[in-house]
Amino acid sequence: MKARDLRDRSTEDLAELEKSLANERFQGKFKNFTNRLDDTSLIRKNKRDLARVKLILTERARGIVVVSKPVDAEKKPKTRAPKPAPAEAAEKAETAQEKAEKTEKKAEKAAAPKKTKAAVAAPKGAAPKAPPTPNVGIKRPAAKKSGKGD
């Protein structure tokens, strides 16, 4: 059921439909619990139909008027953007060549030797600093022995 079709019905008809859908929903749940229901998707469909009917009834009770779109508006095909002209295609080809050149330049920069921080920070003519030596020959105090059990 669609909401558009339900809005065309009278309020009394919708109230009857609500009762019958609630009964069908209960019967569907009961059959599913006793493993007699073949198509379990009916439970969900009944639940949604019941919700649609209740929504329309509450809209009418509150005085909300919903105007639906005409059916013809949905059937209009969507238009596509026009294809690019041949001149635009040539421009795109040029930009592809430019992109290839840029990637080549990036590859050349990556292949070139990089300057280290030490080489940049040190003034010209000064000898570079040697890296710090690891703590190899340092003696550490031995752990204290407990007096128990010795």
N, C-alpha and C. Protein backbone atom coordinates (compact mmCIF):
# COMPACT_ATOMS: atom_id res chain seq x y z
N MET A 1 0.84 -1.19 0.00
CA MET A 1 0.00 0.00 0.00
C MET A 1 0.88 1.24 0.00
N LYS A 2 0.45 2.24 -0.72
CA LYS A 2 1.15 3.50 -0.76
C LYS A 2 0.35 4.54 0.00
N ALA A 3 1.05 5.49 0.58
CA ALA A 3 0.38 6.54 1.36
C ALA A 3 -0.54 7.36 0.48
N ARG A 4 -0.19 7.54 -0.79
CA ARG A 4 -1.04 8.30 -1.71
C ARG A 4 -2.40 7.63 -1.85
N ASP A 5 -2.40 6.29 -1.96
CA ASP A 5 -3.67 5.56 -2.09
C ASP A 5 -4.47 5.63 -0.79
N LEU A 6 -3.78 5.58 0.33
CA LEU A 6 -4.48 5.62 1.62
C LEU A 6 -5.09 6.98 1.89
N ARG A 7 -4.47 8.05 1.42
CA ARG A 7 -5.01 9.39 1.66
C ARG A 7 -6.30 9.62 0.89
N ASP A 8 -6.53 8.84 -0.16
CA ASP A 8 -7.76 8.98 -0.93
C ASP A 8 -8.95 8.35 -0.21
N ARG A 9 -8.70 7.49 0.76
CA ARG A 9 -9.79 6.80 1.47
C ARG A 9 -10.38 7.68 2.55
N SER A 10 -11.58 7.31 2.98
CA SER A 10 -12.25 8.07 4.04
C SER A 10 -11.68 7.68 5.40
N THR A 11 -11.98 8.49 6.40
CA THR A 11 -11.47 8.25 7.75
C THR A 11 -12.05 6.96 8.34
N GLU A 12 -13.34 6.70 8.09
CA GLU A 12 -13.97 5.48 8.61
C GLU A 12 -13.35 4.25 7.97
N ASP A 13 -13.09 4.33 6.68
CA ASP A 13 -12.47 3.21 5.97
C ASP A 13 -11.06 2.94 6.52
N LEU A 14 -10.34 4.01 6.82
CA LEU A 14 -9.00 3.86 7.38
C LEU A 14 -9.04 3.25 8.78
N ALA A 15 -10.06 3.60 9.56
CA ALA A 15 -10.19 3.02 10.90
C ALA A 15 -10.44 1.51 10.81
N GLU A 16 -11.28 1.10 9.86
CA GLU A 16 -11.53 -0.34 9.65
C GLU A 16 -10.26 -1.04 9.19
N LEU A 17 -9.54 -0.40 8.28
CA LEU A 17 -8.30 -0.97 7.76
C LEU A 17 -7.26 -1.11 8.88
N GLU A 18 -7.25 -0.14 9.78
CA GLU A 18 -6.32 -0.21 10.91
C GLU A 18 -6.59 -1.43 11.78
N LYS A 19 -7.87 -1.68 12.06
CA LYS A 19 -8.23 -2.85 12.87
C LYS A 19 -7.85 -4.16 12.18
N SER A 20 -8.14 -4.23 10.88
CA SER A 20 -7.83 -5.47 10.17
C SER A 20 -6.32 -5.70 10.07
N LEU A 21 -5.55 -4.63 9.86
CA LEU A 21 -4.09 -4.77 9.78
C LEU A 21 -3.50 -5.15 11.14
N ALA A 22 -4.07 -4.61 12.22
CA ALA A 22 -3.59 -4.99 13.55
C ALA A 22 -3.87 -6.46 13.80
N ASN A 23 -5.04 -6.95 13.36
CA ASN A 23 -5.38 -8.36 13.52
C ASN A 23 -4.45 -9.24 12.68
N GLU A 24 -4.19 -8.83 11.43
CA GLU A 24 -3.29 -9.58 10.56
C GLU A 24 -1.89 -9.63 11.15
N ARG A 25 -1.46 -8.54 11.75
CA ARG A 25 -0.13 -8.50 12.35
C ARG A 25 -0.05 -9.49 13.51
N PHE A 26 -1.07 -9.50 14.34
CA PHE A 26 -1.09 -10.44 15.45
C PHE A 26 -1.09 -11.88 14.96
N GLN A 27 -1.93 -12.16 13.96
CA GLN A 27 -2.00 -13.52 13.42
C GLN A 27 -0.65 -13.94 12.81
N GLY A 28 0.00 -13.01 12.12
CA GLY A 28 1.30 -13.30 11.53
C GLY A 28 2.35 -13.61 12.58
N LYS A 29 2.36 -12.83 13.66
CA LYS A 29 3.31 -13.09 14.74
C LYS A 29 3.02 -14.44 15.40
N PHE A 30 1.76 -14.73 15.58
CA PHE A 30 1.37 -15.99 16.22
C PHE A 30 1.78 -17.18 15.35
N LYS A 31 1.52 -17.08 14.04
CA LYS A 31 1.90 -18.16 13.13
C LYS A 31 3.42 -18.33 13.07
N ASN A 32 4.14 -17.23 13.12
CA ASN A 32 5.59 -17.31 13.10
C ASN A 32 6.11 -17.99 14.37
N PHE A 33 5.50 -17.71 15.50
CA PHE A 33 5.92 -18.31 16.76
C PHE A 33 5.66 -19.81 16.77
N THR A 34 4.59 -20.24 16.13
CA THR A 34 4.25 -21.66 16.09
C THR A 34 4.80 -22.35 14.84
N ASN A 35 5.67 -21.65 14.09
CA ASN A 35 6.32 -22.19 12.89
C ASN A 35 5.34 -22.61 11.80
N ARG A 36 4.26 -21.87 11.65
CA ARG A 36 3.30 -22.15 10.58
C ARG A 36 3.33 -21.07 9.50
N LEU A 37 4.21 -20.08 9.64
CA LEU A 37 4.28 -18.97 8.69
C LEU A 37 5.40 -19.25 7.68
N ASP A 38 5.04 -19.26 6.40
CA ASP A 38 6.02 -19.55 5.36
C ASP A 38 6.84 -18.32 4.99
N ASP A 39 6.18 -17.18 4.81
CA ASP A 39 6.85 -15.96 4.38
C ASP A 39 6.90 -14.98 5.55
N THR A 40 8.06 -14.86 6.19
CA THR A 40 8.18 -14.00 7.37
C THR A 40 8.22 -12.52 7.00
N SER A 41 8.39 -12.20 5.73
CA SER A 41 8.42 -10.79 5.34
C SER A 41 7.03 -10.15 5.47
N LEU A 42 6.00 -10.97 5.57
CA LEU A 42 4.64 -10.43 5.73
C LEU A 42 4.49 -9.68 7.04
N ILE A 43 5.21 -10.11 8.07
CA ILE A 43 5.13 -9.43 9.37
C ILE A 43 5.60 -7.99 9.22
N ARG A 44 6.73 -7.80 8.58
CA ARG A 44 7.28 -6.46 8.40
C ARG A 44 6.37 -5.62 7.51
N LYS A 45 5.85 -6.20 6.43
CA LYS A 45 4.98 -5.45 5.52
C LYS A 45 3.71 -5.01 6.23
N ASN A 46 3.11 -5.90 7.02
CA ASN A 46 1.90 -5.54 7.77
C ASN A 46 2.19 -4.44 8.78
N LYS A 47 3.35 -4.53 9.41
CA LYS A 47 3.72 -3.53 10.41
C LYS A 47 3.86 -2.16 9.76
N ARG A 48 4.48 -2.10 8.61
CA ARG A 48 4.66 -0.82 7.92
C ARG A 48 3.34 -0.26 7.39
N ASP A 49 2.50 -1.13 6.86
CA ASP A 49 1.19 -0.68 6.39
C ASP A 49 0.37 -0.12 7.54
N LEU A 50 0.42 -0.80 8.68
CA LEU A 50 -0.31 -0.33 9.86
C LEU A 50 0.22 1.03 10.30
N ALA A 51 1.52 1.21 10.25
CA ALA A 51 2.11 2.50 10.62
C ALA A 51 1.68 3.60 9.66
N ARG A 52 1.59 3.29 8.38
CA ARG A 52 1.14 4.29 7.41
C ARG A 52 -0.29 4.72 7.70
N VAL A 53 -1.15 3.74 7.98
CA VAL A 53 -2.55 4.06 8.25
C VAL A 53 -2.66 4.90 9.52
N LYS A 54 -1.92 4.54 10.56
CA LYS A 54 -1.96 5.31 11.81
C LYS A 54 -1.45 6.73 11.60
N LEU A 55 -0.42 6.88 10.77
CA LEU A 55 0.12 8.20 10.48
C LEU A 55 -0.92 9.08 9.81
N ILE A 56 -1.61 8.54 8.84
CA ILE A 56 -2.62 9.33 8.12
C ILE A 56 -3.78 9.68 9.05
N LEU A 57 -4.18 8.75 9.91
CA LEU A 57 -5.26 9.04 10.85
C LEU A 57 -4.85 10.14 11.85
N THR A 58 -3.63 10.11 12.33
CA THR A 58 -3.20 11.17 13.26
C THR A 58 -3.04 12.51 12.54
N GLU A 59 -2.62 12.48 11.27
CA GLU A 59 -2.55 13.73 10.51
C GLU A 59 -3.93 14.35 10.39
N ARG A 60 -4.91 13.52 10.10
CA ARG A 60 -6.29 14.04 9.96
C ARG A 60 -6.82 14.52 11.30
N ALA A 61 -6.48 13.84 12.40
CA ALA A 61 -6.96 14.26 13.72
C ALA A 61 -6.35 15.61 14.12
N ARG A 62 -5.13 15.86 13.73
CA ARG A 62 -4.47 17.12 14.07
C ARG A 62 -4.77 18.23 13.07
N GLY A 63 -5.35 17.87 11.94
CA GLY A 63 -5.70 18.86 10.93
C GLY A 63 -4.56 19.18 9.98
N ILE A 64 -3.60 18.28 9.87
CA ILE A 64 -2.47 18.49 8.96
C ILE A 64 -2.89 18.03 7.57
N VAL A 65 -2.69 18.90 6.58
CA VAL A 65 -3.03 18.57 5.21
C VAL A 65 -1.74 18.30 4.45
N VAL A 66 -1.63 17.11 3.88
CA VAL A 66 -0.45 16.73 3.12
C VAL A 66 -0.83 16.68 1.65
N VAL A 67 -0.09 17.43 0.84
CA VAL A 67 -0.33 17.44 -0.59
C VAL A 67 0.72 16.56 -1.23
N SER A 68 0.27 15.53 -1.92
CA SER A 68 1.22 14.62 -2.56
C SER A 68 1.55 15.10 -3.96
N LYS A 69 2.68 14.66 -4.46
CA LYS A 69 3.11 15.02 -5.81
C LYS A 69 2.22 14.32 -6.82
N PRO A 70 2.01 14.93 -7.97
CA PRO A 70 1.24 14.25 -9.01
C PRO A 70 1.99 13.02 -9.52
N VAL A 71 1.25 12.05 -10.00
CA VAL A 71 1.84 10.80 -10.46
C VAL A 71 2.72 11.03 -11.67
N ASP A 72 2.35 11.99 -12.53
CA ASP A 72 3.11 12.26 -13.75
C ASP A 72 4.50 12.80 -13.44
N ALA A 73 4.66 13.49 -12.31
CA ALA A 73 5.96 14.08 -11.98
C ALA A 73 7.01 13.02 -11.74
N GLU A 74 6.63 11.85 -11.28
CA GLU A 74 7.58 10.80 -10.99
C GLU A 74 8.08 10.10 -12.26
N LYS A 75 7.32 10.17 -13.33
CA LYS A 75 7.65 9.42 -14.54
C LYS A 75 8.58 10.18 -15.48
N LYS A 76 8.91 11.44 -15.17
CA LYS A 76 9.76 12.21 -16.05
C LYS A 76 11.18 11.65 -15.99
N PRO A 77 11.79 11.40 -17.15
CA PRO A 77 13.16 10.88 -17.13
C PRO A 77 14.14 12.00 -16.79
N LYS A 78 15.21 11.63 -16.16
CA LYS A 78 16.23 12.60 -15.82
C LYS A 78 17.08 12.85 -17.05
N THR A 79 17.43 14.12 -17.26
CA THR A 79 18.24 14.47 -18.42
C THR A 79 19.71 14.36 -18.06
N ARG A 80 20.51 13.99 -19.04
CA ARG A 80 21.94 13.88 -18.84
C ARG A 80 22.63 15.15 -19.32
N ALA A 81 23.82 15.36 -18.82
CA ALA A 81 24.60 16.50 -19.27
C ALA A 81 25.07 16.24 -20.70
N PRO A 82 25.17 17.28 -21.52
CA PRO A 82 25.62 17.08 -22.90
C PRO A 82 27.07 16.61 -22.93
N LYS A 83 27.40 15.87 -23.99
CA LYS A 83 28.76 15.37 -24.14
C LYS A 83 29.70 16.53 -24.44
N PRO A 84 30.96 16.46 -23.98
CA PRO A 84 31.89 17.56 -24.24
C PRO A 84 32.24 17.66 -25.72
N ALA A 85 32.45 18.89 -26.16
CA ALA A 85 32.81 19.13 -27.56
C ALA A 85 34.23 18.63 -27.81
N PRO A 86 34.59 18.38 -29.07
CA PRO A 86 35.94 17.89 -29.38
C PRO A 86 37.04 18.83 -28.91
N ALA A 87 36.81 20.15 -28.92
CA ALA A 87 37.82 21.11 -28.46
C ALA A 87 38.11 20.89 -26.98
N GLU A 88 37.08 20.62 -26.20
CA GLU A 88 37.27 20.38 -24.77
C GLU A 88 38.06 19.10 -24.55
N ALA A 89 37.86 18.11 -25.40
CA ALA A 89 38.60 16.86 -25.28
C ALA A 89 40.08 17.10 -25.54
N ALA A 90 40.41 17.98 -26.49
CA ALA A 90 41.81 18.30 -26.78
C ALA A 90 42.45 19.00 -25.59
N GLU A 91 41.69 19.90 -24.95
CA GLU A 91 42.20 20.59 -23.76
C GLU A 91 42.48 19.59 -22.64
N LYS A 92 41.61 18.61 -22.49
CA LYS A 92 41.80 17.61 -21.46
C LYS A 92 43.05 16.78 -21.74
N ALA A 93 43.32 16.50 -23.01
CA ALA A 93 44.51 15.74 -23.38
C ALA A 93 45.76 16.53 -23.03
N GLU A 94 45.73 17.85 -23.24
CA GLU A 94 46.87 18.69 -22.89
C GLU A 94 47.10 18.67 -21.39
N THR A 95 46.05 18.74 -20.64
CA THR A 95 46.21 18.71 -19.19
C THR A 95 46.76 17.38 -18.73
N ALA A 96 46.45 16.31 -19.43
CA ALA A 96 47.00 15.01 -19.08
C ALA A 96 48.51 15.01 -19.32
N GLN A 97 48.96 15.67 -20.42
CA GLN A 97 50.39 15.77 -20.67
C GLN A 97 51.07 16.60 -19.59
N GLU A 98 50.42 17.68 -19.17
CA GLU A 98 50.98 18.51 -18.11
C GLU A 98 51.11 17.73 -16.81
N LYS A 99 50.12 16.90 -16.52
CA LYS A 99 50.17 16.08 -15.32
C LYS A 99 51.32 15.10 -15.38
N ALA A 100 51.55 14.53 -16.55
CA ALA A 100 52.66 13.58 -16.72
C ALA A 100 53.99 14.29 -16.49
N GLU A 101 54.13 15.52 -16.99
CA GLU A 101 55.36 16.28 -16.78
C GLU A 101 55.58 16.59 -15.31
N LYS A 102 54.51 16.94 -14.61
CA LYS A 102 54.62 17.24 -13.19
C LYS A 102 55.06 16.01 -12.40
N THR A 103 54.53 14.86 -12.75
CA THR A 103 54.92 13.65 -12.02
C THR A 103 56.37 13.30 -12.31
N GLU A 104 56.85 13.58 -13.53
CA GLU A 104 58.26 13.35 -13.85
C GLU A 104 59.15 14.26 -13.02
N LYS A 105 58.75 15.54 -12.86
CA LYS A 105 59.53 16.48 -12.06
C LYS A 105 59.58 16.03 -10.60
N LYS A 106 58.47 15.53 -10.10
CA LYS A 106 58.44 15.04 -8.72
C LYS A 106 59.35 13.85 -8.54
N ALA A 107 59.38 12.97 -9.53
CA ALA A 107 60.25 11.80 -9.47
C ALA A 107 61.71 12.22 -9.48
N GLU A 108 62.06 13.26 -10.28
CA GLU A 108 63.43 13.75 -10.32
C GLU A 108 63.84 14.34 -8.97
N LYS A 109 62.92 15.09 -8.35
CA LYS A 109 63.22 15.67 -7.04
C LYS A 109 63.42 14.59 -5.99
N ALA A 110 62.64 13.54 -6.06
CA ALA A 110 62.76 12.45 -5.10
C ALA A 110 64.06 11.71 -5.29
N ALA A 111 64.56 11.61 -6.52
CA ALA A 111 65.80 10.89 -6.80
C ALA A 111 67.02 11.72 -6.41
N ALA A 112 66.93 13.04 -6.37
CA ALA A 112 68.05 13.90 -6.02
C ALA A 112 68.39 13.71 -4.55
N PRO A 113 69.70 13.84 -4.17
CA PRO A 113 70.08 13.68 -2.76
C PRO A 113 69.48 14.80 -1.93
N LYS A 114 68.99 14.42 -0.77
CA LYS A 114 68.35 15.38 0.12
C LYS A 114 69.37 15.95 1.08
N LYS A 115 69.20 17.21 1.44
CA LYS A 115 70.06 17.84 2.41
C LYS A 115 69.61 17.45 3.80
N THR A 116 70.57 17.11 4.65
CA THR A 116 70.23 16.75 6.03
C THR A 116 70.20 18.00 6.88
N LYS A 117 69.69 17.90 8.06
CA LYS A 117 69.62 19.05 8.97
C LYS A 117 71.02 19.51 9.36
N ALA A 118 71.92 18.56 9.56
CA ALA A 118 73.28 18.91 9.95
C ALA A 118 73.96 19.71 8.85
N ALA A 119 73.76 19.32 7.60
CA ALA A 119 74.38 20.03 6.49
C ALA A 119 73.78 21.41 6.32
N VAL A 120 72.53 21.57 6.61
CA VAL A 120 71.88 22.85 6.46
C VAL A 120 72.25 23.78 7.60
N ALA A 121 72.32 23.26 8.84
CA ALA A 121 72.56 24.08 10.01
C ALA A 121 74.03 24.50 10.14
N ALA A 122 74.94 23.66 9.69
CA ALA A 122 76.36 23.95 9.85
C ALA A 122 76.80 25.02 8.85
N PRO A 123 77.60 25.99 9.32
CA PRO A 123 78.12 27.00 8.39
C PRO A 123 79.15 26.38 7.45
N LYS A 124 79.37 27.03 6.32
CA LYS A 124 80.31 26.51 5.34
C LYS A 124 81.71 26.54 5.92
N GLY A 125 82.47 25.49 5.65
CA GLY A 125 83.84 25.41 6.11
C GLY A 125 83.96 24.77 7.48
N ALA A 126 82.87 24.65 8.24
CA ALA A 126 82.93 24.05 9.56
C ALA A 126 82.79 22.54 9.42
N ALA A 127 83.47 21.83 10.28
CA ALA A 127 83.40 20.37 10.24
C ALA A 127 82.07 19.92 10.82
N PRO A 128 81.43 18.89 10.22
CA PRO A 128 80.17 18.41 10.78
C PRO A 128 80.38 17.74 12.13
N LYS A 129 79.38 17.83 12.98
CA LYS A 129 79.45 17.23 14.30
C LYS A 129 79.33 15.73 14.19
N ALA A 130 80.08 15.07 15.07
CA ALA A 130 80.00 13.61 15.12
C ALA A 130 78.78 13.23 15.94
N PRO A 131 78.14 12.13 15.59
CA PRO A 131 76.98 11.71 16.37
C PRO A 131 77.42 11.30 17.77
N PRO A 132 76.55 11.44 18.76
CA PRO A 132 76.92 11.10 20.14
C PRO A 132 77.20 9.60 20.26
N THR A 133 78.16 9.26 21.08
CA THR A 133 78.52 7.86 21.27
C THR A 133 77.58 7.21 22.26
N PRO A 134 77.28 5.94 22.08
CA PRO A 134 76.40 5.27 23.03
C PRO A 134 77.13 5.00 24.34
N ASN A 135 76.38 4.82 25.40
CA ASN A 135 76.92 4.57 26.74
C ASN A 135 77.32 3.11 26.84
N VAL A 136 78.54 2.80 26.37
CA VAL A 136 78.96 1.41 26.31
C VAL A 136 79.70 0.99 27.57
N GLY A 137 80.64 1.77 28.02
CA GLY A 137 81.51 1.32 29.11
C GLY A 137 81.06 1.74 30.49
N ILE A 138 79.85 2.15 30.70
CA ILE A 138 79.38 2.62 32.00
C ILE A 138 78.99 1.44 32.86
N LYS A 139 79.51 1.45 34.12
CA LYS A 139 79.17 0.37 35.06
C LYS A 139 77.97 0.80 35.87
N ARG A 140 77.10 -0.15 36.12
CA ARG A 140 75.91 0.11 36.92
C ARG A 140 76.07 -0.60 38.25
N PRO A 141 75.51 -0.03 39.31
CA PRO A 141 75.63 -0.71 40.61
C PRO A 141 74.81 -2.00 40.62
N ALA A 142 75.31 -2.99 41.32
CA ALA A 142 74.63 -4.27 41.40
C ALA A 142 73.40 -4.15 42.29
N ALA A 143 72.43 -5.01 42.04
CA ALA A 143 71.21 -4.99 42.84
C ALA A 143 71.52 -5.48 44.25
N LYS A 144 70.84 -4.93 45.24
CA LYS A 144 71.05 -5.33 46.62
C LYS A 144 70.48 -6.69 46.85
N LYS A 145 71.20 -7.47 47.63
CA LYS A 145 70.72 -8.79 47.97
C LYS A 145 69.92 -8.71 49.25
N SER A 146 68.89 -9.49 49.30
CA SER A 146 68.13 -9.52 50.56
C SER A 146 68.83 -10.44 51.54
N GLY A 147 68.74 -10.15 52.78
CA GLY A 147 69.43 -10.91 53.80
C GLY A 147 68.74 -12.21 54.12
N LYS A 148 67.58 -12.44 53.65
CA LYS A 148 66.85 -13.65 53.99
C LYS A 148 67.27 -14.78 53.08
N GLY A 149 67.38 -15.97 53.61
CA GLY A 149 67.60 -17.15 52.84
C GLY A 149 69.03 -17.35 52.36
N ASP A 150 69.97 -16.48 52.72
CA ASP A 150 71.35 -16.65 52.28
C ASP A 150 72.13 -17.47 53.19
